[in-house]
C-alpha atoms as a PDB file:
ATOM      1  CA  MET A   1      69.549 346.125 225.710  1.00  0.00           C
ATOM      2  CA  ARG A   2      73.264 347.085 225.745  1.00  0.00           C
ATOM      3  CA  SER A   3      74.509 347.761 229.316  1.00  0.00           C
ATOM      4  CA  PHE A   4      77.674 350.062 230.606  1.00  0.00           C
ATOM      5  CA  LEU A   5      78.943 350.161 233.868  1.00  0.00           C
ATOM      6  CA  ASN A   6      79.511 353.970 233.726  1.00  0.00           C
ATOM      7  CA  TRP A   7      79.795 356.763 231.305  1.00  0.00           C
ATOM      8  CA  ASP A   8      83.498 356.422 230.838  1.00  0.00           C
ATOM      9  CA  GLU A   9      82.852 353.096 229.354  1.00  0.00           C
ATOM     10  CA  LEU A  10      80.170 354.452 226.884  1.00  0.00           C
ATOM     11  CA  ALA A  11      82.489 357.121 226.015  1.00  0.00           C
ATOM     12  CA  THR A  12      84.948 354.475 224.486  1.00  0.00           C
ATOM     13  CA  CYS A  13      82.343 353.797 221.866  1.00  0.00           C
ATOM     14  CA  VAL A  14      82.491 356.998 219.973  1.00  0.00           C
ATOM     15  CA  GLY A  15      82.017 356.299 216.376  1.00  0.00           C
ATOM     16  CA  GLN A  16      80.134 353.135 216.966  1.00  0.00           C
ATOM     17  CA  ASP A  17      76.515 351.777 216.906  1.00  0.00           C
ATOM     18  CA  ILE A  18      75.370 351.332 220.461  1.00  0.00           C
ATOM     19  CA  GLY A  19      72.542 349.248 219.431  1.00  0.00           C
ATOM     20  CA  TRP A  20      68.730 349.094 218.371  1.00  0.00           C
ATOM     21  CA  SER A  21      65.868 349.932 220.417  1.00  0.00           C
ATOM     22  CA  ASP A  22      62.898 347.607 220.994  1.00  0.00           C
ATOM     23  CA  TRP A  23      59.929 347.678 218.620  1.00  0.00           C
ATOM     24  CA  LEU A  24      57.095 350.286 219.334  1.00  0.00           C
ATOM     25  CA  THR A  25      53.610 350.018 217.633  1.00  0.00           C
ATOM     26  CA  ILE A  26      52.271 353.520 216.570  1.00  0.00           C
ATOM     27  CA  THR A  27      48.716 353.382 217.402  1.00  0.00           C
ATOM     28  CA  GLN A  28      45.681 355.907 216.403  1.00  0.00           C
ATOM     29  CA  ALA A  29      45.165 356.506 220.187  1.00  0.00           C
ATOM     30  CA  GLN A  30      48.816 357.901 220.412  1.00  0.00           C
ATOM     31  CA  ILE A  31      48.474 360.046 217.063  1.00  0.00           C
ATOM     32  CA  ASP A  32      45.144 361.418 218.438  1.00  0.00           C
ATOM     33  CA  GLY A  33      46.680 362.041 221.753  1.00  0.00           C
ATOM     34  CA  PHE A  34      49.609 363.775 219.976  1.00  0.00           C
ATOM     35  CA  ALA A  35      47.343 365.879 217.922  1.00  0.00           C
ATOM     36  CA  GLN A  36      45.372 366.930 221.204  1.00  0.00           C
ATOM     37  CA  ALA A  37      48.671 367.914 222.869  1.00  0.00           C
ATOM     38  CA  THR A  38      49.928 369.964 219.954  1.00  0.00           C
ATOM     39  CA  GLY A  39      46.876 371.278 218.273  1.00  0.00           C
ATOM     40  CA  ASP A  40      47.705 369.678 215.052  1.00  0.00           C
ATOM     41  CA  HIS A  41      44.544 368.086 213.725  1.00  0.00           C
ATOM     42  CA  GLN A  42      45.158 367.867 210.128  1.00  0.00           C
ATOM     43  CA  TRP A  43      43.134 364.941 208.602  1.00  0.00           C
ATOM     44  CA  ILE A  44      45.856 362.948 207.420  1.00  0.00           C
ATOM     45  CA  HIS A  45      46.551 362.221 211.179  1.00  0.00           C
ATOM     46  CA  VAL A  46      42.993 361.930 212.831  1.00  0.00           C
ATOM     47  CA  ASP A  47      40.488 361.205 210.196  1.00  0.00           C
ATOM     48  CA  PRO A  48      40.809 357.450 209.215  1.00  0.00           C
ATOM     49  CA  ALA A  49      37.956 357.474 206.718  1.00  0.00           C
ATOM     50  CA  ARG A  50      39.307 360.351 204.890  1.00  0.00           C
ATOM     51  CA  ALA A  51      42.822 359.477 205.285  1.00  0.00           C
ATOM     52  CA  ALA A  52      42.037 356.066 203.733  1.00  0.00           C
ATOM     53  CA  GLN A  53      41.409 358.072 200.382  1.00  0.00           C
ATOM     54  CA  GLY A  54      44.356 360.206 200.897  1.00  0.00           C
ATOM     55  CA  PRO A  55      48.083 359.962 199.601  1.00  0.00           C
ATOM     56  CA  PHE A  56      49.174 357.261 202.195  1.00  0.00           C
ATOM     57  CA  GLY A  57      46.046 355.121 202.328  1.00  0.00           C
ATOM     58  CA  ALA A  58      45.737 355.425 206.062  1.00  0.00           C
ATOM     59  CA  THR A  59      46.215 357.891 208.897  1.00  0.00           C
ATOM     60  CA  VAL A  60      49.931 358.700 209.380  1.00  0.00           C
ATOM     61  CA  ALA A  61      51.753 359.646 212.746  1.00  0.00           C
ATOM     62  CA  HIS A  62      53.000 363.311 212.902  1.00  0.00           C
ATOM     63  CA  GLY A  63      56.643 363.492 212.131  1.00  0.00           C
ATOM     64  CA  PHE A  64      57.174 365.369 215.258  1.00  0.00           C
ATOM     65  CA  LEU A  65      55.466 362.428 217.305  1.00  0.00           C
ATOM     66  CA  THR A  66      58.059 360.266 215.642  1.00  0.00           C
ATOM     67  CA  LEU A  67      60.872 362.630 216.841  1.00  0.00           C
ATOM     68  CA  ALA A  68      59.208 362.690 220.281  1.00  0.00           C
ATOM     69  CA  LEU A  69      59.544 359.142 220.577  1.00  0.00           C
ATOM     70  CA  ILE A  70      63.607 359.273 220.652  1.00  0.00           C
ATOM     71  CA  PRO A  71      63.743 359.386 224.393  1.00  0.00           C
ATOM     72  CA  HIS A  72      61.751 356.170 224.628  1.00  0.00           C
ATOM     73  CA  PHE A  73      63.924 354.529 222.062  1.00  0.00           C
ATOM     74  CA  PHE A  74      66.882 355.221 224.089  1.00  0.00           C
ATOM     75  CA  SER A  75      65.426 353.744 227.228  1.00  0.00           C
ATOM     76  CA  THR A  76      64.960 350.410 225.493  1.00  0.00           C
ATOM     77  CA  ALA A  77      68.408 350.217 223.650  1.00  0.00           C
ATOM     78  CA  TYR A  78      71.057 350.752 226.459  1.00  0.00           C
ATOM     79  CA  THR A  79      71.470 351.643 230.165  1.00  0.00           C
ATOM     80  CA  VAL A  80      74.447 352.920 232.180  1.00  0.00           C
ATOM     81  CA  HIS A  81      74.568 351.883 235.814  1.00  0.00           C
ATOM     82  CA  THR A  82      75.971 355.154 237.083  1.00  0.00           C
ATOM     83  CA  PRO A  83      73.133 357.557 237.874  1.00  0.00           C
ATOM     84  CA  SER A  84      73.120 360.916 236.217  1.00  0.00           C
ATOM     85  CA  THR A  85      70.354 363.308 234.974  1.00  0.00           C
ATOM     86  CA  GLY A  86      69.895 363.883 231.228  1.00  0.00           C
ATOM     87  CA  VAL A  87      68.474 366.812 229.617  1.00  0.00           C
ATOM     88  CA  ASN A  88      67.668 367.424 225.869  1.00  0.00           C
ATOM     89  CA  TYR A  89      70.079 369.899 224.553  1.00  0.00           C
ATOM     90  CA  GLY A  90      68.967 369.978 220.793  1.00  0.00           C
ATOM     91  CA  LEU A  91      68.529 368.512 217.345  1.00  0.00           C
ATOM     92  CA  ASN A  92      70.409 368.762 214.168  1.00  0.00           C
ATOM     93  CA  LYS A  93      69.867 367.655 210.543  1.00  0.00           C
ATOM     94  CA  VAL A  94      66.450 366.328 211.143  1.00  0.00           C
ATOM     95  CA  ARG A  95      64.675 364.694 208.127  1.00  0.00           C
ATOM     96  CA  PHE A  96      61.367 362.937 208.081  1.00  0.00           C
ATOM     97  CA  MET A  97      61.979 360.622 205.134  1.00  0.00           C
ATOM     98  CA  ALA A  98      59.002 358.381 204.877  1.00  0.00           C
ATOM     99  CA  PRO A  99      55.508 358.296 206.314  1.00  0.00           C
ATOM    100  CA  VAL A 100      54.517 356.260 209.478  1.00  0.00           C
ATOM    101  CA  ARG A 101      51.106 354.594 208.882  1.00  0.00           C
ATOM    102  CA  VAL A 102      49.073 353.886 211.802  1.00  0.00           C
ATOM    103  CA  ASN A 103      49.814 350.518 213.394  1.00  0.00           C
ATOM    104  CA  SER A 104      53.322 350.583 212.098  1.00  0.00           C
ATOM    105  CA  ARG A 105      56.048 349.142 214.119  1.00  0.00           C
ATOM    106  CA  LEU A 106      59.112 351.500 214.867  1.00  0.00           C
ATOM    107  CA  ARG A 107      62.565 351.216 216.306  1.00  0.00           C
ATOM    108  CA  ALA A 108      65.789 353.094 216.397  1.00  0.00           C
ATOM    109  CA  LEU A 109      69.506 352.525 215.818  1.00  0.00           C
ATOM    110  CA  LEU A 110      71.566 354.701 217.889  1.00  0.00           C
ATOM    111  CA  HIS A 111      75.148 355.695 216.713  1.00  0.00           C
ATOM    112  CA  LEU A 112      77.311 357.626 219.264  1.00  0.00           C
ATOM    113  CA  GLN A 113      79.077 360.371 217.210  1.00  0.00           C
ATOM    114  CA  ALA A 114      80.667 362.538 220.007  1.00  0.00           C
ATOM    115  CA  PHE A 115      81.200 362.391 223.831  1.00  0.00           C
ATOM    116  CA  GLU A 116      82.481 365.720 225.136  1.00  0.00           C
ATOM    117  CA  LYS A 117      83.368 366.768 228.667  1.00  0.00           C
ATOM    118  CA  ILE A 118      81.540 370.080 229.399  1.00  0.00           C
ATOM    119  CA  ALA A 119      81.456 372.542 232.446  1.00  0.00           C
ATOM    120  CA  GLY A 120      82.026 370.708 235.843  1.00  0.00           C
ATOM    121  CA  ASP A 121      81.473 366.899 235.504  1.00  0.00           C
ATOM    122  CA  ALA A 122      79.057 367.078 232.709  1.00  0.00           C
ATOM    123  CA  TRP A 123      79.127 365.574 229.291  1.00  0.00           C
ATOM    124  CA  GLN A 124      77.463 366.197 225.896  1.00  0.00           C
ATOM    125  CA  LEU A 125      76.816 363.237 223.832  1.00  0.00           C
ATOM    126  CA  THR A 126      75.914 363.610 220.058  1.00  0.00           C
ATOM    127  CA  TRP A 127      73.749 360.767 218.742  1.00  0.00           C
ATOM    128  CA  GLN A 128      72.709 359.994 215.098  1.00  0.00           C
ATOM    129  CA  VAL A 129      69.458 358.356 215.438  1.00  0.00           C
ATOM    130  CA  SER A 130      67.749 356.688 212.701  1.00  0.00           C
ATOM    131  CA  VAL A 131      64.205 355.563 213.205  1.00  0.00           C
ATOM    132  CA  VAL A 132      63.164 352.619 210.963  1.00  0.00           C
ATOM    133  CA  CYS A 133      59.659 351.106 210.041  1.00  0.00           C
ATOM    134  CA  GLU A 134      59.309 347.427 209.813  1.00  0.00           C
ATOM    135  CA  GLY A 135      58.915 346.567 206.186  1.00  0.00           C
ATOM    136  CA  GLN A 136      60.093 349.888 204.696  1.00  0.00           C
ATOM    137  CA  GLU A 137      63.543 350.188 203.113  1.00  0.00           C
ATOM    138  CA  LYS A 138      64.469 353.751 204.060  1.00  0.00           C
ATOM    139  CA  PRO A 139      64.413 355.349 207.559  1.00  0.00           C
ATOM    140  CA  VAL A 140      61.140 357.287 208.516  1.00  0.00           C
ATOM    141  CA  CYS A 141      63.492 359.863 210.450  1.00  0.00           C
ATOM    142  CA  VAL A 142      66.941 360.558 210.907  1.00  0.00           C
ATOM    143  CA  ALA A 143      68.294 363.318 213.235  1.00  0.00           C
ATOM    144  CA  GLN A 144      71.474 364.151 215.134  1.00  0.00           C
ATOM    145  CA  TYR A 145      70.272 364.464 218.841  1.00  0.00           C
ATOM    146  CA  LEU A 146      72.234 366.143 221.390  1.00  0.00           C
ATOM    147  CA  VAL A 147      72.050 365.202 225.221  1.00  0.00           C
ATOM    148  CA  ARG A 148      73.620 366.607 228.188  1.00  0.00           C
ATOM    149  CA  ARG A 149      74.267 364.321 231.211  1.00  0.00           C
ATOM    150  CA  TYR A 150      74.991 365.612 234.685  1.00  0.00           C
ATOM    151  CA  PRO A 151      76.082 363.813 237.740  1.00  0.00           C
ATOM    152  CA  PRO A 152      73.692 363.466 240.578  1.00  0.00           C
ATOM    153  CA  THR A 153      73.853 366.314 243.109  1.00  0.00           C
ATOM    154  CA  ALA A 154      74.362 365.899 246.960  1.00  0.00           C
ATOM    155  CA  ASN A 155      71.253 366.805 248.819  1.00  0.00           C
END
C-alpha cells in the first residue's frame, strides 16, 4: 500500500499510477448478495447449473458489482494520513470489457489523472481505474472515477 503524508503530497502525483490494490476473490455469495440488493436476478449471475451451460461456463458477477468494488480497491491501494471525508462525485467512460467468472480474483490499478481545488478547502480527484482479473489479458472494467475530498469539520 502506498502512503502519503497529506493531500498536497498526493497532488504531486497527477499523471502517475498510484498503485495496485490487493487481490479480491469474487464469490457466489457476493454475487447473490448483489442480486438481492439490486433486484437483478438474471440466471447468468445466480443460477450456477444453468450458467454452466451458458456463454461463460459459470456464473458471472454483475458489471455493476465490479464497479461497486472500486472504493474497496482504493482502500487497499493507498492511504493519506491527513483526515478528510470522501464522497463519490461521478463516473465517466465506464466500460465492462470482459466477464468476471465466479471465484475469479480481481485487483485495480489506480492512475491519478487530475487533482483540482474546488470550493473552500475541498478537492476533486479524477482517477482512471482499470480492474483486472487474474489470468485474463484485458481489463474487465475501465472507468474514470471522480471523488471529492473535504477537510474534517470542527465540532
